[in-house]
Amino acid sequence: MSFDFAPKPKQRRFTAELRERLLAEQGGVCAACGADDPGSHNGWHVDHCHKSQAVRGVLCRACNLTLGYVKDDPERLELLLAYLLRFQFDGLCPEGLPRVQRVFK
């Protein structure tokens, strides 16, 4: 069995001109979080609906990945937010919960 790990050419659905125009219309920041840094060596990401292909805006890497991880599902995103908020008080995790132990070798 062999595997082809060669990078595949990226199919670009959106032109660089569209991305730059949208980014300018957004004030040069992520349409979701307002970050002014794309957070990736690949630059900004054009976000689109995977069902209709309609362009929604330009996102930073973190927001683009987050939408992908929640599969563009608003309910899942709300549930994830509710989960996070359950464990945050004044921006800190509450005492008494087990802590992650980091081990570095």
N, C-alpha and C. Protein backbone atom coordinates (compact mmCIF):
# COMPACT_ATOMS: atom_id res chain seq x y z
N MET A 1 0.85 -1.17 0.00
CA MET A 1 0.00 0.00 0.00
C MET A 1 0.89 1.24 0.00
N SER A 2 0.55 2.21 -0.81
CA SER A 2 1.32 3.45 -0.82
C SER A 2 0.38 4.63 -0.61
N PHE A 3 0.94 5.66 -0.05
CA PHE A 3 0.18 6.87 0.22
C PHE A 3 0.82 8.03 -0.52
N ASP A 4 -0.01 8.87 -1.08
CA ASP A 4 0.47 10.05 -1.79
C ASP A 4 0.34 11.25 -0.86
N PHE A 5 1.47 11.69 -0.29
CA PHE A 5 1.46 12.82 0.62
C PHE A 5 1.84 14.12 -0.07
N ALA A 6 1.94 14.08 -1.38
CA ALA A 6 2.29 15.30 -2.11
C ALA A 6 1.17 16.31 -1.96
N PRO A 7 1.53 17.57 -1.73
CA PRO A 7 0.48 18.58 -1.59
C PRO A 7 -0.33 18.72 -2.87
N LYS A 8 -1.61 18.83 -2.70
CA LYS A 8 -2.51 19.00 -3.84
C LYS A 8 -2.65 20.50 -4.12
N PRO A 9 -2.76 20.88 -5.39
CA PRO A 9 -2.97 22.30 -5.67
C PRO A 9 -4.30 22.75 -5.07
N LYS A 10 -4.28 23.90 -4.44
CA LYS A 10 -5.48 24.42 -3.79
C LYS A 10 -6.43 24.97 -4.84
N GLN A 11 -7.68 24.56 -4.76
CA GLN A 11 -8.68 25.10 -5.66
C GLN A 11 -9.21 26.39 -5.03
N ARG A 12 -9.01 27.46 -5.69
CA ARG A 12 -9.48 28.75 -5.17
C ARG A 12 -10.82 29.08 -5.80
N ARG A 13 -11.82 29.17 -4.94
CA ARG A 13 -13.15 29.55 -5.42
C ARG A 13 -13.29 31.06 -5.46
N PHE A 14 -12.45 31.74 -4.68
CA PHE A 14 -12.61 33.18 -4.52
C PHE A 14 -11.30 33.85 -4.92
N THR A 15 -11.41 34.95 -5.60
CA THR A 15 -10.22 35.65 -6.06
C THR A 15 -9.61 36.47 -4.93
N ALA A 16 -8.35 36.77 -5.09
CA ALA A 16 -7.67 37.62 -4.12
C ALA A 16 -8.31 39.01 -4.10
N GLU A 17 -8.79 39.45 -5.26
CA GLU A 17 -9.45 40.76 -5.33
C GLU A 17 -10.71 40.80 -4.47
N LEU A 18 -11.51 39.72 -4.52
CA LEU A 18 -12.72 39.66 -3.69
C LEU A 18 -12.35 39.68 -2.21
N ARG A 19 -11.35 38.89 -1.85
CA ARG A 19 -10.92 38.85 -0.44
C ARG A 19 -10.47 40.23 0.03
N GLU A 20 -9.67 40.89 -0.76
CA GLU A 20 -9.16 42.21 -0.38
C GLU A 20 -10.28 43.25 -0.30
N ARG A 21 -11.24 43.18 -1.23
CA ARG A 21 -12.37 44.12 -1.21
C ARG A 21 -13.21 43.90 0.04
N LEU A 22 -13.53 42.64 0.34
CA LEU A 22 -14.32 42.34 1.54
C LEU A 22 -13.59 42.77 2.80
N LEU A 23 -12.30 42.49 2.85
CA LEU A 23 -11.51 42.85 4.02
C LEU A 23 -11.50 44.37 4.22
N ALA A 24 -11.39 45.11 3.13
CA ALA A 24 -11.43 46.57 3.22
C ALA A 24 -12.80 47.04 3.72
N GLU A 25 -13.86 46.42 3.22
CA GLU A 25 -15.22 46.77 3.66
C GLU A 25 -15.42 46.48 5.14
N GLN A 26 -14.69 45.49 5.66
CA GLN A 26 -14.77 45.11 7.08
C GLN A 26 -13.82 45.94 7.94
N GLY A 27 -13.14 46.90 7.36
CA GLY A 27 -12.21 47.73 8.11
C GLY A 27 -10.88 47.07 8.36
N GLY A 28 -10.53 46.03 7.57
CA GLY A 28 -9.24 45.37 7.70
C GLY A 28 -9.14 44.40 8.87
N VAL A 29 -10.31 43.99 9.39
CA VAL A 29 -10.32 43.08 10.55
C VAL A 29 -11.23 41.89 10.28
N CYS A 30 -11.09 40.86 11.10
CA CYS A 30 -11.93 39.67 11.01
C CYS A 30 -13.40 40.06 11.20
N ALA A 31 -14.27 39.55 10.34
CA ALA A 31 -15.70 39.87 10.41
C ALA A 31 -16.34 39.32 11.68
N ALA A 32 -15.75 38.31 12.31
CA ALA A 32 -16.34 37.70 13.49
C ALA A 32 -15.80 38.27 14.79
N CYS A 33 -14.48 38.30 14.95
CA CYS A 33 -13.90 38.68 16.25
C CYS A 33 -13.23 40.05 16.26
N GLY A 34 -13.01 40.63 15.08
CA GLY A 34 -12.39 41.94 15.01
C GLY A 34 -10.87 41.94 15.06
N ALA A 35 -10.25 40.76 14.99
CA ALA A 35 -8.78 40.69 15.01
C ALA A 35 -8.21 41.37 13.77
N ASP A 36 -7.08 42.07 13.96
CA ASP A 36 -6.45 42.71 12.81
C ASP A 36 -5.28 41.91 12.26
N ASP A 37 -5.10 40.70 12.76
CA ASP A 37 -4.05 39.80 12.31
C ASP A 37 -4.72 38.49 11.87
N PRO A 38 -4.42 38.01 10.66
CA PRO A 38 -5.08 36.79 10.20
C PRO A 38 -4.70 35.54 11.00
N GLY A 39 -3.59 35.59 11.73
CA GLY A 39 -3.20 34.45 12.55
C GLY A 39 -2.70 33.25 11.77
N SER A 40 -2.28 33.47 10.53
CA SER A 40 -1.85 32.36 9.69
C SER A 40 -0.89 32.87 8.63
N HIS A 41 0.08 32.04 8.29
CA HIS A 41 0.98 32.43 7.20
C HIS A 41 0.25 32.39 5.85
N ASN A 42 -0.92 31.75 5.83
CA ASN A 42 -1.73 31.70 4.60
C ASN A 42 -2.61 32.94 4.44
N GLY A 43 -2.64 33.79 5.44
CA GLY A 43 -3.43 35.02 5.35
C GLY A 43 -4.87 34.83 5.77
N TRP A 44 -5.70 35.73 5.32
CA TRP A 44 -7.12 35.75 5.67
C TRP A 44 -7.89 34.66 4.94
N HIS A 45 -9.02 34.26 5.52
CA HIS A 45 -9.85 33.20 4.95
C HIS A 45 -11.20 33.76 4.51
N VAL A 46 -11.59 33.49 3.27
CA VAL A 46 -12.91 33.88 2.80
C VAL A 46 -13.90 32.83 3.31
N ASP A 47 -14.82 33.26 4.14
CA ASP A 47 -15.82 32.35 4.71
C ASP A 47 -17.03 32.30 3.80
N HIS A 48 -17.59 31.11 3.66
CA HIS A 48 -18.77 30.95 2.81
C HIS A 48 -19.65 29.84 3.36
N CYS A 49 -20.91 29.91 2.99
CA CYS A 49 -21.87 28.86 3.35
C CYS A 49 -21.57 27.65 2.47
N HIS A 50 -21.40 26.50 3.10
CA HIS A 50 -21.05 25.30 2.33
C HIS A 50 -22.25 24.72 1.59
N LYS A 51 -23.45 25.16 1.95
CA LYS A 51 -24.65 24.69 1.23
C LYS A 51 -24.93 25.54 0.01
N SER A 52 -24.95 26.87 0.19
CA SER A 52 -25.30 27.77 -0.90
C SER A 52 -24.09 28.34 -1.64
N GLN A 53 -22.90 28.22 -1.04
CA GLN A 53 -21.66 28.81 -1.55
C GLN A 53 -21.64 30.33 -1.43
N ALA A 54 -22.62 30.93 -0.77
CA ALA A 54 -22.66 32.38 -0.61
C ALA A 54 -21.54 32.84 0.32
N VAL A 55 -20.84 33.88 -0.08
CA VAL A 55 -19.75 34.42 0.72
C VAL A 55 -20.35 35.21 1.89
N ARG A 56 -19.80 34.94 3.10
CA ARG A 56 -20.29 35.63 4.30
C ARG A 56 -19.34 36.73 4.74
N GLY A 57 -18.05 36.56 4.54
CA GLY A 57 -17.09 37.56 4.97
C GLY A 57 -15.69 36.98 4.99
N VAL A 58 -14.76 37.76 5.55
CA VAL A 58 -13.37 37.34 5.66
C VAL A 58 -13.06 37.15 7.14
N LEU A 59 -12.46 36.00 7.46
CA LEU A 59 -12.20 35.63 8.85
C LEU A 59 -10.72 35.38 9.10
N CYS A 60 -10.35 35.52 10.37
CA CYS A 60 -9.01 35.09 10.79
C CYS A 60 -9.00 33.57 10.87
N ARG A 61 -7.82 33.02 11.01
CA ARG A 61 -7.67 31.56 11.05
C ARG A 61 -8.47 30.94 12.19
N ALA A 62 -8.41 31.52 13.39
CA ALA A 62 -9.08 30.94 14.55
C ALA A 62 -10.59 30.89 14.34
N CYS A 63 -11.17 31.97 13.84
CA CYS A 63 -12.63 31.98 13.62
C CYS A 63 -13.02 31.03 12.51
N ASN A 64 -12.22 30.97 11.46
CA ASN A 64 -12.50 30.06 10.36
C ASN A 64 -12.45 28.60 10.83
N LEU A 65 -11.43 28.25 11.60
CA LEU A 65 -11.32 26.89 12.12
C LEU A 65 -12.47 26.57 13.07
N THR A 66 -12.83 27.54 13.91
CA THR A 66 -13.92 27.32 14.87
C THR A 66 -15.21 27.00 14.13
N LEU A 67 -15.53 27.77 13.09
CA LEU A 67 -16.75 27.48 12.33
C LEU A 67 -16.68 26.09 11.70
N GLY A 68 -15.51 25.71 11.24
CA GLY A 68 -15.35 24.37 10.68
C GLY A 68 -15.55 23.29 11.72
N TYR A 69 -14.98 23.49 12.91
CA TYR A 69 -15.10 22.49 13.97
C TYR A 69 -16.54 22.32 14.45
N VAL A 70 -17.31 23.41 14.46
CA VAL A 70 -18.71 23.30 14.89
C VAL A 70 -19.63 23.04 13.71
N LYS A 71 -19.05 22.83 12.55
CA LYS A 71 -19.77 22.49 11.33
C LYS A 71 -20.85 23.52 10.96
N ASP A 72 -20.51 24.80 11.16
CA ASP A 72 -21.41 25.92 10.84
C ASP A 72 -22.76 25.79 11.53
N ASP A 73 -22.79 25.12 12.68
CA ASP A 73 -24.04 24.86 13.39
C ASP A 73 -24.19 25.84 14.56
N PRO A 74 -25.08 26.83 14.44
CA PRO A 74 -25.25 27.81 15.52
C PRO A 74 -25.63 27.18 16.85
N GLU A 75 -26.43 26.13 16.83
CA GLU A 75 -26.82 25.48 18.08
C GLU A 75 -25.60 24.86 18.77
N ARG A 76 -24.75 24.22 18.01
CA ARG A 76 -23.54 23.63 18.59
C ARG A 76 -22.64 24.71 19.17
N LEU A 77 -22.55 25.84 18.47
CA LEU A 77 -21.73 26.94 18.95
C LEU A 77 -22.30 27.52 20.24
N GLU A 78 -23.63 27.65 20.32
CA GLU A 78 -24.28 28.12 21.55
C GLU A 78 -24.04 27.15 22.70
N LEU A 79 -24.11 25.85 22.43
CA LEU A 79 -23.86 24.85 23.46
C LEU A 79 -22.42 24.92 23.95
N LEU A 80 -21.49 25.13 23.03
CA LEU A 80 -20.09 25.25 23.39
C LEU A 80 -19.86 26.49 24.25
N LEU A 81 -20.50 27.60 23.89
CA LEU A 81 -20.39 28.83 24.68
C LEU A 81 -20.98 28.61 26.08
N ALA A 82 -22.14 27.98 26.16
CA ALA A 82 -22.76 27.71 27.46
C ALA A 82 -21.85 26.84 28.32
N TYR A 83 -21.22 25.85 27.72
CA TYR A 83 -20.29 24.98 28.44
C TYR A 83 -19.13 25.79 29.00
N LEU A 84 -18.54 26.64 28.18
CA LEU A 84 -17.41 27.45 28.60
C LEU A 84 -17.81 28.40 29.73
N LEU A 85 -18.96 29.03 29.60
CA LEU A 85 -19.41 29.99 30.60
C LEU A 85 -19.74 29.33 31.94
N ARG A 86 -20.15 28.08 31.92
CA ARG A 86 -20.43 27.36 33.18
C ARG A 86 -19.20 27.28 34.07
N PHE A 87 -18.03 27.30 33.47
CA PHE A 87 -16.80 27.11 34.23
C PHE A 87 -15.99 28.39 34.37
N GLN A 88 -16.57 29.52 34.07
CA GLN A 88 -15.83 30.77 34.21
C GLN A 88 -16.55 31.71 35.16
N PHE A 89 -15.82 32.19 36.13
CA PHE A 89 -16.33 33.18 37.07
C PHE A 89 -15.29 34.27 37.14
N ASP A 90 -15.66 35.47 36.84
CA ASP A 90 -14.74 36.60 36.81
C ASP A 90 -13.53 36.31 35.92
N GLY A 91 -13.76 35.54 34.85
CA GLY A 91 -12.69 35.26 33.91
C GLY A 91 -11.72 34.17 34.35
N LEU A 92 -11.95 33.58 35.53
CA LEU A 92 -11.06 32.53 36.03
C LEU A 92 -11.84 31.24 36.23
N CYS A 93 -11.17 30.14 36.07
CA CYS A 93 -11.83 28.86 36.36
C CYS A 93 -11.97 28.72 37.87
N PRO A 94 -13.10 28.18 38.37
CA PRO A 94 -13.33 28.09 39.81
C PRO A 94 -12.37 27.13 40.50
N GLU A 95 -12.15 27.38 41.79
CA GLU A 95 -11.31 26.50 42.61
C GLU A 95 -12.05 25.19 42.85
N GLY A 96 -11.31 24.15 43.16
CA GLY A 96 -11.91 22.87 43.48
C GLY A 96 -12.04 21.93 42.29
N LEU A 97 -11.85 22.44 41.08
CA LEU A 97 -11.91 21.56 39.92
C LEU A 97 -10.52 20.96 39.70
N PRO A 98 -10.48 19.73 39.18
CA PRO A 98 -9.16 19.15 38.90
C PRO A 98 -8.42 19.99 37.87
N ARG A 99 -7.13 20.05 38.00
CA ARG A 99 -6.29 20.84 37.09
C ARG A 99 -5.53 19.92 36.14
N VAL A 100 -5.29 20.42 34.97
CA VAL A 100 -4.47 19.70 34.01
C VAL A 100 -3.03 19.77 34.47
N GLN A 101 -2.37 18.64 34.52
CA GLN A 101 -0.97 18.60 34.90
C GLN A 101 -0.15 18.54 33.62
N ARG A 102 0.69 19.53 33.44
CA ARG A 102 1.54 19.55 32.25
C ARG A 102 2.90 18.96 32.60
N VAL A 103 3.30 18.01 31.81
CA VAL A 103 4.58 17.35 32.03
C VAL A 103 5.44 17.61 30.80
N PHE A 104 6.59 18.20 31.04
CA PHE A 104 7.52 18.48 29.94
C PHE A 104 8.76 17.62 30.15
N LYS A 105 9.20 16.99 29.09
CA LYS A 105 10.39 16.15 29.18
C LYS A 105 11.54 16.84 28.55
